[in-house]
Amino acid sequence: MSSLDQARATQLRNIEAKTGKSLEQLRGLLAGSGHAKHGELRSWAMQHLGLGYGDANTLVHIALASDGQSAAEAAGLGADDVLAEIYSDKKAALRPIHDALMARISTFGDFEVAPKKGYVSLRRRKQFAMIGPGSATRVDVGLNMKDVPPTGRLLAEKPGGMCQYKVKLTAPSEVDAELAGWLRLAYDAAG
């Protein structure tokens, strides 16, 4: 089982535990919600099932896909295909930054990689980082960690977002010891 499959299975088990319902029961609830669009279903799941944004989003992807596959799998896309799509066209030049980040983070130990539509979520017991294009010229690294003073480079995000901090990168050389230190703090806090 790939790390993407493991991440999806873990997240689904957590969703089932949080809601006290099986995937089939959750599919039935979503089908009976009166909503059809992904965003409406996600909002409904957040409000009525008490799920956070990421769990609700994943649930809707799985529920709308056939045979319990993710939307990417149902479309025949693997993790490499999703990354190729994220870093395509004008954003293709950003892929070396992503690869440098993943090489550095992989030295920390085990974690799950969950490619999403426009970014990659990195998780242990909980998400510790998000990596994806912030624009056609930079990669944004979202970090989940607490009580770290922001700097000119480590930008504090608004409360209630998916990450507490963000670092903007424009070259692989910016994946340096300082960034690795912040990534390690976030990794350790998520474990």
Protein backbone atom coordinates (compact mmCIF):
# COMPACT_ATOMS: atom_id res chain seq x y z
CA MET A 1 0.00 0.00 0.00
CA SER A 2 1.42 3.38 -0.99
CA SER A 3 1.87 6.17 1.53
CA LEU A 4 -1.03 7.97 -0.17
CA ASP A 5 -3.27 4.93 0.30
CA GLN A 6 -2.15 4.60 3.92
CA ALA A 7 -2.86 8.27 4.57
CA ARG A 8 -6.32 8.00 3.03
CA ALA A 9 -7.12 4.84 5.01
CA THR A 10 -5.96 6.43 8.27
CA GLN A 11 -7.94 9.60 7.64
CA LEU A 12 -11.06 7.60 6.76
CA ARG A 13 -10.75 5.55 9.96
CA ASN A 14 -10.43 8.79 11.92
CA ILE A 15 -13.51 10.25 10.20
CA GLU A 16 -15.50 7.11 10.99
CA ALA A 17 -14.34 7.26 14.63
CA LYS A 18 -15.18 10.98 14.96
CA THR A 19 -18.66 10.56 13.52
CA GLY A 20 -19.42 7.08 14.87
CA LYS A 21 -20.60 6.11 11.38
CA SER A 22 -19.31 3.81 8.66
CA LEU A 23 -18.36 5.06 5.21
CA GLU A 24 -21.59 3.66 3.78
CA GLN A 25 -23.64 5.47 6.45
CA LEU A 26 -21.74 8.69 5.74
CA ARG A 27 -22.34 8.30 1.99
CA GLY A 28 -26.04 7.89 2.73
CA LEU A 29 -26.11 11.03 4.86
CA LEU A 30 -24.34 13.04 2.17
CA ALA A 31 -26.68 11.70 -0.50
CA GLY A 32 -29.68 12.66 1.63
CA SER A 33 -28.35 16.14 2.43
CA GLY A 34 -30.06 17.74 -0.56
CA HIS A 35 -26.72 18.99 -1.92
CA ALA A 36 -24.85 17.88 -5.01
CA LYS A 37 -21.86 20.20 -5.40
CA HIS A 38 -18.58 19.33 -3.70
CA GLY A 39 -18.30 22.62 -1.78
CA GLU A 40 -21.90 22.43 -0.54
CA LEU A 41 -21.41 18.84 0.63
CA ARG A 42 -18.16 19.77 2.38
CA SER A 43 -19.87 22.64 4.21
CA TRP A 44 -22.77 20.36 5.14
CA ALA A 45 -20.37 17.74 6.53
CA MET A 46 -18.56 20.38 8.57
CA GLN A 47 -21.80 21.74 10.01
CA HIS A 48 -23.75 18.52 10.54
CA LEU A 49 -21.01 15.99 11.21
CA GLY A 50 -18.63 18.23 13.15
CA LEU A 51 -15.72 17.59 10.80
CA GLY A 52 -12.91 20.01 10.09
CA TYR A 53 -12.30 21.30 6.59
CA GLY A 54 -9.71 18.66 5.63
CA ASP A 55 -11.73 15.69 6.90
CA ALA A 56 -14.94 16.98 5.32
CA ASN A 57 -13.15 17.57 2.03
CA THR A 58 -11.66 14.07 2.02
CA LEU A 59 -14.99 12.50 2.96
CA VAL A 60 -16.74 14.21 0.06
CA HIS A 61 -13.98 13.14 -2.37
CA ILE A 62 -14.28 9.54 -1.22
CA ALA A 63 -18.07 9.58 -1.09
CA LEU A 64 -18.41 11.00 -4.59
CA ALA A 65 -15.87 8.60 -6.07
CA SER A 66 -16.77 5.07 -7.07
CA ASP A 67 -16.07 2.03 -4.89
CA GLY A 68 -14.49 4.03 -2.08
CA GLN A 69 -11.69 5.35 -4.26
CA SER A 70 -10.55 8.91 -3.99
CA ALA A 71 -11.55 11.28 -6.75
CA ALA A 72 -7.99 11.13 -8.10
CA GLU A 73 -8.04 7.32 -8.13
CA ALA A 74 -11.48 7.27 -9.75
CA ALA A 75 -10.05 9.49 -12.49
CA GLY A 76 -7.10 7.07 -12.82
CA LEU A 77 -4.56 9.44 -11.25
CA GLY A 78 -1.81 8.20 -8.94
CA ALA A 79 0.24 10.34 -6.54
CA ASP A 80 2.85 11.07 -9.23
CA ASP A 81 0.10 12.10 -11.64
CA VAL A 82 -1.39 14.47 -9.07
CA LEU A 83 2.03 16.07 -8.48
CA ALA A 84 2.57 16.37 -12.22
CA GLU A 85 -0.77 18.16 -12.46
CA ILE A 86 0.03 20.49 -9.54
CA TYR A 87 3.38 21.42 -11.10
CA SER A 88 2.30 21.73 -14.73
CA ASP A 89 2.43 24.50 -17.32
CA LYS A 90 3.60 27.80 -15.80
CA LYS A 91 4.27 26.08 -12.45
CA ALA A 92 6.53 23.32 -13.85
CA ALA A 93 9.66 25.25 -12.89
CA LEU A 94 8.60 25.02 -9.22
CA ARG A 95 8.87 21.22 -9.02
CA PRO A 96 12.59 21.27 -8.01
CA ILE A 97 11.64 23.35 -4.95
CA HIS A 98 9.01 20.76 -4.01
CA ASP A 99 11.49 17.92 -4.53
CA ALA A 100 14.12 19.68 -2.38
CA LEU A 101 11.56 20.11 0.41
CA MET A 102 10.50 16.47 0.28
CA ALA A 103 14.12 15.29 0.28
CA ARG A 104 14.84 17.35 3.41
CA ILE A 105 11.64 16.30 5.21
CA SER A 106 12.15 12.61 4.39
CA THR A 107 15.21 12.62 6.68
CA PHE A 108 12.96 13.23 9.73
CA GLY A 109 11.27 9.81 9.71
CA ASP A 110 7.90 8.39 8.74
CA PHE A 111 5.00 10.56 7.63
CA GLU A 112 2.08 10.36 5.25
CA VAL A 113 1.87 12.26 1.98
CA ALA A 114 -1.63 13.19 0.84
CA PRO A 115 -1.74 15.02 -2.50
CA LYS A 116 -4.75 17.29 -2.77
CA LYS A 117 -5.99 19.31 -5.74
CA GLY A 118 -3.45 22.13 -5.56
CA TYR A 119 -1.04 21.14 -2.78
CA VAL A 120 0.40 18.23 -0.80
CA SER A 121 -0.54 17.64 2.84
CA LEU A 122 2.09 16.06 5.09
CA ARG A 123 0.79 14.24 8.15
CA ARG A 124 1.81 12.24 11.16
CA ARG A 125 -0.98 11.97 13.74
CA LYS A 126 -2.09 15.32 12.35
CA GLN A 127 -1.04 17.57 9.50
CA PHE A 128 2.29 19.26 10.08
CA ALA A 129 2.88 20.93 6.71
CA MET A 130 1.36 21.81 3.36
CA ILE A 131 3.43 22.31 0.21
CA GLY A 132 2.15 23.78 -3.02
CA PRO A 133 2.41 26.59 -5.52
CA GLY A 134 1.42 29.95 -4.06
CA SER A 135 1.71 31.48 -7.50
CA ALA A 136 3.42 30.69 -10.79
CA THR A 137 6.71 31.91 -9.30
CA ARG A 138 6.78 30.53 -5.75
CA VAL A 139 6.05 27.52 -3.55
CA ASP A 140 4.32 28.14 -0.24
CA VAL A 141 5.09 25.96 2.77
CA GLY A 142 2.37 26.02 5.42
CA LEU A 143 3.54 24.97 8.88
CA ASN A 144 1.54 23.82 11.89
CA MET A 145 3.42 24.70 15.04
CA LYS A 146 2.75 26.92 18.00
CA ASP A 147 4.49 29.65 19.95
CA VAL A 148 7.17 30.42 17.39
CA PRO A 149 7.77 34.14 16.88
CA PRO A 150 7.24 35.18 13.25
CA THR A 151 10.14 36.67 11.32
CA GLY A 152 10.50 38.42 8.00
CA ARG A 153 10.60 34.96 6.44
CA LEU A 154 8.30 32.98 8.75
CA LEU A 155 4.94 34.65 8.26
CA ALA A 156 2.12 34.21 10.78
CA GLU A 157 -1.20 33.24 9.20
CA LYS A 158 -4.65 34.34 10.34
CA PRO A 159 -6.10 32.26 13.20
CA GLY A 160 -8.43 29.45 12.17
CA GLY A 161 -6.61 28.63 8.95
CA MET A 162 -5.19 25.27 7.97
CA CYS A 163 -1.67 26.33 9.08
CA GLN A 164 -0.33 28.81 11.63
CA TYR A 165 2.69 29.93 9.56
CA LYS A 166 3.80 30.23 5.95
CA VAL A 167 7.19 30.42 4.25
CA LYS A 168 7.42 31.51 0.59
CA LEU A 169 10.13 29.92 -1.57
CA THR A 170 11.35 30.87 -5.03
CA ALA A 171 14.41 28.59 -5.37
CA PRO A 172 15.54 25.15 -4.13
CA SER A 173 18.48 26.83 -2.35
CA GLU A 174 15.97 28.40 0.06
CA VAL A 175 15.35 24.93 1.54
CA ASP A 176 18.02 25.65 4.12
CA ALA A 177 18.82 24.83 7.75
CA GLU A 178 16.51 27.56 9.09
CA LEU A 179 13.50 26.21 7.15
CA ALA A 180 14.47 22.64 8.06
CA GLY A 181 14.41 23.66 11.73
CA TRP A 182 10.86 25.00 11.45
CA LEU A 183 9.76 21.92 9.49
CA ARG A 184 11.27 19.70 12.20
CA LEU A 185 9.41 21.60 14.95
CA ALA A 186 6.15 21.12 13.08
CA TYR A 187 6.96 17.44 12.37
CA ASP A 188 7.77 16.73 16.03
CA ALA A 189 4.62 18.54 17.25
CA ALA A 190 2.44 16.40 14.96
CA GLY A 191 3.80 13.08 16.13
